[in-house]
Amino acid sequence: MDDVFPGFENGDFVVLYGDDALFMSFVLCVRCVLPRDRCGFGSSVVFVGGGNSFSPYLISDIARSYGFDPLEALGRIYVSRAFTAYQFSALVLEKLEQFVNAKRAGLILVSDIMLLFLDRDIPKTEAKDLFVKVCAKLSNIANNKDWIVLATYKPERRSKLGLFFEAVLFGRSSVLVKFEKRGKTLSFVLQDHPRLKPFRVDFPSDNVPLTSFMEV
């Protein structure tokens, strides 16, 4: 990806969704904590988990693949888990910005941002209101230009509520990336970006140069 995509910048509110989006977010966590001389950001990460999806084992494996100490990588990723939409909303709306400042993090990663709001025990009107506020808060945090805010989600198109959440999230994001997996091919699809035209890159199983698959 480094050959065809320049990456994200402070001020971006990035949404990753589709196949392997969560895995890609873990890769970005490690890339963020890597030193700058190893093509990293040299910063810490705040990981807000909405689906109890954080995997220290996967982070460790990715860090090793970069030749980086797994324990050092894990020590620079601050994880906060929520188990209800109310906990999740409180974390984002009341505590996140102060905590990120205290840890001097460069990346805020919000995992499975929609999941808890789809809980049937929460009235739909209340779920919608909270989700709109959460997305607005993350967008405002990104607009401060001090951090990159990145959210992942699993598409939920079987319900009107899921479609509503998707529309709100997409409307607030500044960078939208979809991952599609077909057979052994994983595609990176840049759907929206404030500085780049949309394009698609296919990662085939063999080592064909990625630039030959880019469509701008």
Protein backbone atom coordinates (compact mmCIF):
# COMPACT_ATOMS: atom_id res chain seq x y z
CA MET A 1 0.00 0.00 0.00
CA ASP A 2 2.88 2.38 0.65
CA ASP A 3 3.56 2.40 -3.11
CA VAL A 4 0.16 3.78 -4.05
CA PHE A 5 -1.35 5.43 -0.98
CA PRO A 6 0.38 8.22 1.00
CA GLY A 7 -1.36 7.35 4.24
CA PHE A 8 -3.37 9.45 6.66
CA GLU A 9 -2.70 12.86 8.16
CA ASN A 10 -3.56 14.59 11.41
CA GLY A 11 -7.10 15.87 11.11
CA ASP A 12 -8.40 12.87 9.17
CA PHE A 13 -11.48 11.05 10.44
CA VAL A 14 -10.99 7.70 8.72
CA VAL A 15 -13.57 4.94 8.39
CA LEU A 16 -12.39 1.44 7.43
CA TYR A 17 -15.02 -1.17 6.70
CA GLY A 18 -15.49 -4.48 4.94
CA ASP A 19 -13.37 -7.63 4.84
CA ASP A 20 -10.22 -7.56 7.00
CA ALA A 21 -10.80 -3.94 8.05
CA LEU A 22 -10.20 -4.85 11.68
CA PHE A 23 -6.95 -6.62 10.83
CA MET A 24 -5.80 -3.59 8.84
CA SER A 25 -6.55 -1.39 11.83
CA PHE A 26 -4.22 -3.54 13.95
CA VAL A 27 -1.51 -3.10 11.33
CA LEU A 28 -2.01 0.67 11.55
CA CYS A 29 -1.74 0.50 15.35
CA VAL A 30 1.67 -1.10 15.04
CA ARG A 31 2.73 1.28 12.27
CA CYS A 32 1.81 4.18 14.54
CA VAL A 33 4.02 3.03 17.42
CA LEU A 34 6.99 2.15 15.19
CA PRO A 35 9.87 4.64 15.26
CA ARG A 36 10.02 7.09 12.38
CA ASP A 37 13.20 5.49 11.05
CA ARG A 38 11.13 2.33 10.53
CA CYS A 39 8.40 4.14 8.58
CA GLY A 40 6.33 4.59 11.72
CA PHE A 41 4.64 7.53 13.40
CA GLY A 42 6.66 7.29 16.61
CA SER A 43 3.58 7.79 18.75
CA SER A 44 1.21 5.96 21.07
CA VAL A 45 -2.32 4.76 20.28
CA VAL A 46 -5.61 4.94 22.16
CA PHE A 47 -7.81 1.97 21.22
CA VAL A 48 -11.50 2.20 22.09
CA GLY A 49 -13.05 -1.23 21.69
CA GLY A 50 -16.74 -1.48 20.96
CA GLY A 51 -16.79 -5.20 20.33
CA ASN A 52 -14.14 -6.60 22.68
CA SER A 53 -12.07 -7.18 19.56
CA PHE A 54 -8.60 -6.10 20.68
CA SER A 55 -6.09 -8.93 20.22
CA PRO A 56 -2.70 -8.59 21.94
CA TYR A 57 -1.58 -11.78 20.20
CA LEU A 58 -2.26 -10.33 16.76
CA ILE A 59 -0.56 -7.05 17.67
CA SER A 60 2.46 -9.05 18.85
CA ASP A 61 2.61 -11.03 15.61
CA ILE A 62 2.41 -7.88 13.50
CA ALA A 63 5.09 -6.17 15.59
CA ARG A 64 7.40 -9.16 15.13
CA SER A 65 6.86 -9.03 11.37
CA TYR A 66 8.30 -5.49 11.49
CA GLY A 67 11.19 -6.61 13.69
CA PHE A 68 9.80 -4.64 16.62
CA ASP A 69 9.56 -5.73 20.26
CA PRO A 70 5.95 -6.93 20.85
CA LEU A 71 5.97 -5.86 24.51
CA GLU A 72 7.09 -2.37 23.58
CA ALA A 73 4.37 -2.16 20.95
CA LEU A 74 1.68 -3.33 23.39
CA GLY A 75 2.96 -0.92 26.02
CA ARG A 76 2.23 2.01 23.71
CA ILE A 77 -1.34 0.98 22.87
CA TYR A 78 -3.82 2.05 25.55
CA VAL A 79 -6.98 -0.04 25.39
CA SER A 80 -10.36 0.95 26.78
CA ARG A 81 -13.25 -1.48 26.33
CA ALA A 82 -16.95 -0.76 26.47
CA PHE A 83 -19.67 -3.38 26.84
CA THR A 84 -22.77 -1.25 26.37
CA ALA A 85 -23.65 1.67 24.12
CA TYR A 86 -23.93 3.85 27.22
CA GLN A 87 -20.40 2.99 28.35
CA PHE A 88 -19.12 3.51 24.82
CA SER A 89 -20.80 6.91 24.52
CA ALA A 90 -19.46 8.03 27.90
CA LEU A 91 -15.92 7.04 26.91
CA VAL A 92 -16.05 9.03 23.69
CA LEU A 93 -18.08 12.03 24.80
CA GLU A 94 -16.67 12.58 28.29
CA LYS A 95 -13.25 10.98 28.67
CA LEU A 96 -11.56 10.35 25.34
CA GLU A 97 -10.09 13.74 24.50
CA GLN A 98 -8.59 14.27 27.95
CA PHE A 99 -7.11 10.76 28.00
CA VAL A 100 -5.59 11.14 24.54
CA ASN A 101 -3.97 14.40 25.57
CA ALA A 102 -2.55 12.80 28.70
CA LYS A 103 -1.03 9.91 26.74
CA ARG A 104 0.11 12.13 23.84
CA ALA A 105 -1.33 9.68 21.38
CA GLY A 106 -1.17 10.24 17.65
CA LEU A 107 -3.88 7.77 16.68
CA ILE A 108 -7.34 7.21 18.13
CA LEU A 109 -8.74 3.91 16.94
CA VAL A 110 -12.42 3.16 17.54
CA SER A 111 -13.17 -0.48 16.85
CA ASP A 112 -16.61 -1.83 15.85
CA ILE A 113 -18.15 1.60 16.27
CA MET A 114 -21.73 0.52 15.46
CA LEU A 115 -21.96 -2.81 17.24
CA LEU A 116 -23.14 -1.78 20.69
CA PHE A 117 -25.71 0.64 19.32
CA LEU A 118 -27.47 -2.22 17.52
CA ASP A 119 -28.35 -3.84 20.85
CA ARG A 120 -32.08 -4.57 20.90
CA ASP A 121 -32.28 -3.61 24.56
CA ILE A 122 -31.64 0.04 23.67
CA PRO A 123 -34.59 2.07 22.35
CA LYS A 124 -33.90 2.94 18.72
CA THR A 125 -34.48 6.65 19.23
CA GLU A 126 -31.95 6.72 22.06
CA ALA A 127 -29.45 4.63 20.08
CA LYS A 128 -29.70 7.02 17.14
CA ASP A 129 -29.25 10.08 19.34
CA LEU A 130 -26.18 8.65 21.07
CA PHE A 131 -24.60 7.47 17.84
CA VAL A 132 -25.04 10.88 16.18
CA LYS A 133 -23.36 12.52 19.19
CA VAL A 134 -20.48 10.01 19.17
CA CYS A 135 -19.78 10.54 15.46
CA ALA A 136 -19.97 14.32 15.86
CA LYS A 137 -17.53 14.18 18.78
CA LEU A 138 -15.02 12.05 16.87
CA SER A 139 -15.25 14.39 13.90
CA ASN A 140 -14.65 17.40 16.15
CA ILE A 141 -11.67 15.71 17.78
CA ALA A 142 -10.17 15.03 14.35
CA ASN A 143 -10.78 18.63 13.30
CA ASN A 144 -8.40 19.77 16.05
CA LYS A 145 -5.64 18.53 13.69
CA ASP A 146 -3.71 16.97 16.57
CA TRP A 147 -4.69 13.36 15.89
CA ILE A 148 -5.81 10.84 13.33
CA VAL A 149 -9.17 9.33 14.27
CA LEU A 150 -9.90 5.93 12.73
CA ALA A 151 -13.08 3.90 13.11
CA THR A 152 -13.89 0.39 11.92
CA TYR A 153 -17.27 -1.20 11.49
CA LYS A 154 -18.93 -4.28 10.12
CA PRO A 155 -21.67 -3.44 7.59
CA GLU A 156 -25.15 -4.17 8.90
CA ARG A 157 -27.51 -3.72 5.98
CA ARG A 158 -30.20 -6.09 7.19
CA SER A 159 -31.81 -3.37 9.29
CA LYS A 160 -32.91 0.22 8.79
CA LEU A 161 -31.05 1.12 11.97
CA GLY A 162 -27.78 -0.20 10.54
CA LEU A 163 -28.32 1.83 7.37
CA PHE A 164 -29.02 4.92 9.45
CA PHE A 165 -25.78 4.47 11.42
CA GLU A 166 -23.85 3.96 8.20
CA ALA A 167 -25.21 7.17 6.68
CA VAL A 168 -24.33 9.15 9.82
CA LEU A 169 -20.81 7.68 10.01
CA PHE A 170 -20.07 8.19 6.32
CA GLY A 171 -21.39 11.72 6.49
CA ARG A 172 -19.04 12.63 9.32
CA SER A 173 -15.93 10.86 7.99
CA SER A 174 -13.36 12.63 5.83
CA VAL A 175 -11.66 9.47 4.52
CA LEU A 176 -13.63 6.36 3.59
CA VAL A 177 -11.92 3.06 2.77
CA LYS A 178 -13.56 -0.24 1.93
CA PHE A 179 -11.87 -3.65 1.86
CA GLU A 180 -13.31 -6.34 -0.39
CA LYS A 181 -12.14 -9.95 -0.41
CA ARG A 182 -12.86 -12.22 -3.36
CA GLY A 183 -11.10 -15.56 -3.38
CA LYS A 184 -7.43 -14.86 -2.78
CA THR A 185 -7.67 -11.22 -3.82
CA LEU A 186 -8.12 -8.40 -1.31
CA SER A 187 -9.07 -5.02 -2.76
CA PHE A 188 -8.41 -1.63 -1.20
CA VAL A 189 -11.07 0.83 -2.34
CA LEU A 190 -10.60 4.51 -1.52
CA GLN A 191 -14.14 5.85 -1.76
CA ASP A 192 -13.75 9.33 -0.35
CA HIS A 193 -10.76 11.53 0.48
CA PRO A 194 -10.28 15.30 0.83
CA ARG A 195 -7.01 15.32 -1.12
CA LEU A 196 -7.08 12.29 -3.45
CA LYS A 197 -9.32 10.97 -6.19
CA PRO A 198 -11.06 7.66 -5.45
CA PHE A 199 -9.21 4.57 -6.65
CA ARG A 200 -9.10 0.82 -6.27
CA VAL A 201 -6.11 -1.47 -5.77
CA ASP A 202 -6.27 -5.27 -5.98
CA PHE A 203 -3.80 -7.33 -3.99
CA PRO A 204 -3.42 -10.60 -5.94
CA SER A 205 -1.89 -13.76 -4.54
CA ASP A 206 1.23 -13.37 -6.68
CA ASN A 207 3.61 -10.41 -6.57
CA VAL A 208 2.29 -8.35 -9.45
CA PRO A 209 3.23 -4.67 -8.90
CA LEU A 210 0.36 -2.92 -7.14
CA THR A 211 0.63 0.22 -9.26
CA SER A 212 -0.49 -1.73 -12.32
CA PHE A 213 -3.88 -2.30 -10.64
CA MET A 214 -4.55 1.30 -9.61
CA GLU A 215 -7.47 3.05 -11.29
CA VAL A 216 -7.64 6.82 -10.71
